């Protein structure tokens, strides 16, 4: 029973992990977020959405878009996601007789 359950659970975990990664990637897609805003703006203009509903949704989508951009710029700069910040560095330089400081 254990031998059958272990691969089944492992396979299910693998599939669910992939689904979660795809969902996260789609939610972090800037083009998709802009598409959502455009769709909601069209609904607002068609009278299918109130101004208050649109304002709430626009605020949430723009906040998420800002977070995505901040996270991407942090990744591009090599920023640690653990919340660490470099406040200083210590450097030790040793020159040989052939090297001249520039």
Protein backbone atom coordinates (compact mmCIF):
# COMPACT_ATOMS: atom_id res chain seq x y z
CA UNK A 1 0.00 0.00 0.00
CA UNK A 2 2.81 2.41 0.88
CA UNK A 3 4.63 1.74 -2.40
CA UNK A 4 1.53 2.65 -4.39
CA UNK A 5 0.69 5.73 -2.35
CA UNK A 6 4.19 7.22 -2.36
CA UNK A 7 4.53 7.57 -6.19
CA UNK A 8 0.91 8.69 -6.47
CA UNK A 9 1.36 11.41 -3.87
CA UNK A 10 4.73 12.43 -5.35
CA UNK A 11 3.21 12.69 -8.83
CA UNK A 12 0.24 14.66 -7.55
CA UNK A 13 2.56 17.02 -5.68
CA UNK A 14 4.63 17.51 -8.86
CA UNK A 15 1.54 18.35 -10.93
CA UNK A 16 0.15 20.76 -8.33
CA UNK A 17 3.54 22.47 -8.04
CA UNK A 18 3.63 23.01 -11.81
CA UNK A 19 0.07 24.37 -11.82
CA UNK A 20 0.96 26.80 -9.01
CA UNK A 21 4.05 28.01 -10.89
CA UNK A 22 2.05 28.60 -14.07
CA UNK A 23 -0.64 30.48 -12.13
CA UNK A 24 2.01 32.66 -10.44
CA UNK A 25 3.70 33.36 -13.77
CA UNK A 26 0.40 34.37 -15.34
CA UNK A 27 -0.46 36.66 -12.44
CA UNK A 28 3.00 38.25 -12.70
CA UNK A 29 2.70 38.83 -16.46
CA UNK A 30 2.63 42.60 -17.04
CA UNK A 31 0.85 42.22 -20.38
CA UNK A 32 -1.88 40.16 -18.72
CA UNK A 33 -2.34 42.76 -15.98
CA UNK A 34 -2.63 45.56 -18.56
CA UNK A 35 -5.15 43.40 -20.45
CA UNK A 36 -7.23 43.08 -17.29
CA UNK A 37 -7.22 46.87 -16.86
CA UNK A 38 -8.24 47.42 -20.48
CA UNK A 39 -11.05 44.86 -20.20
CA UNK A 40 -12.35 46.50 -17.03
CA UNK A 41 -12.18 49.94 -18.64
CA UNK A 42 -14.29 48.63 -21.52
CA UNK A 43 -16.79 47.20 -19.02
CA UNK A 44 -16.91 50.58 -17.26
CA UNK A 45 -17.59 52.40 -20.51
CA UNK A 46 -20.28 49.86 -21.44
CA UNK A 47 -22.01 50.40 -18.09
CA UNK A 48 -21.31 46.86 -16.91
CA UNK A 49 -19.21 48.12 -13.98
CA UNK A 50 -19.63 51.06 -11.62
CA UNK A 51 -17.00 53.74 -11.11
CA UNK A 52 -16.37 52.49 -7.57
CA UNK A 53 -15.90 48.88 -8.73
CA UNK A 54 -13.49 50.02 -11.44
CA UNK A 55 -11.53 52.21 -9.01
CA UNK A 56 -11.14 49.30 -6.57
CA UNK A 57 -10.05 46.90 -9.28
CA UNK A 58 -7.70 49.45 -10.88
CA UNK A 59 -6.05 50.14 -7.51
CA UNK A 60 -5.52 46.41 -6.88
CA UNK A 61 -4.16 45.67 -10.37
CA UNK A 62 -1.83 48.69 -10.36
CA UNK A 63 -0.57 47.73 -6.90
CA UNK A 64 0.14 44.20 -8.12
CA UNK A 65 1.81 45.55 -11.27
CA UNK A 66 4.02 47.78 -9.14
CA UNK A 67 4.99 44.82 -6.94
CA UNK A 68 5.84 42.72 -10.00
CA UNK A 69 8.04 45.48 -11.42
CA UNK A 70 9.77 46.05 -8.08
CA UNK A 71 10.41 42.34 -7.67
CA UNK A 72 11.78 42.06 -11.22
CA UNK A 73 14.05 45.07 -10.82
CA UNK A 74 15.31 43.61 -7.55
CA UNK A 75 16.06 40.30 -9.26
CA UNK A 76 17.84 42.08 -12.10
CA UNK A 77 20.03 43.97 -9.63
CA UNK A 78 20.82 40.80 -7.69
CA UNK A 79 18.90 41.97 -4.67
CA UNK A 80 18.37 39.29 -2.07
CA UNK A 81 14.79 38.26 -1.49
CA UNK A 82 15.65 37.42 2.11
CA UNK A 83 15.62 41.09 3.08
CA UNK A 84 19.37 41.47 3.55
CA UNK A 85 21.04 44.77 2.74
CA UNK A 86 24.76 45.31 2.18
CA UNK A 87 25.96 48.15 4.37
CA UNK A 88 29.70 47.85 3.83
CA UNK A 89 32.51 45.76 2.45
CA UNK A 90 36.08 45.08 3.45
CA UNK A 91 38.74 44.81 0.74
CA UNK A 92 42.33 43.68 1.12
CA UNK A 93 44.61 44.49 -1.85
CA UNK A 94 48.16 43.21 -2.11
CA UNK A 95 50.36 44.55 -4.90
CA UNK A 96 53.48 42.82 -6.12
CA UNK A 97 56.56 44.77 -7.12
CA UNK A 98 55.54 44.52 -10.80
CA UNK A 99 52.10 46.04 -10.22
CA UNK A 100 51.60 49.78 -10.06
CA UNK A 101 48.52 51.35 -8.51
CA UNK A 102 46.32 53.16 -11.02
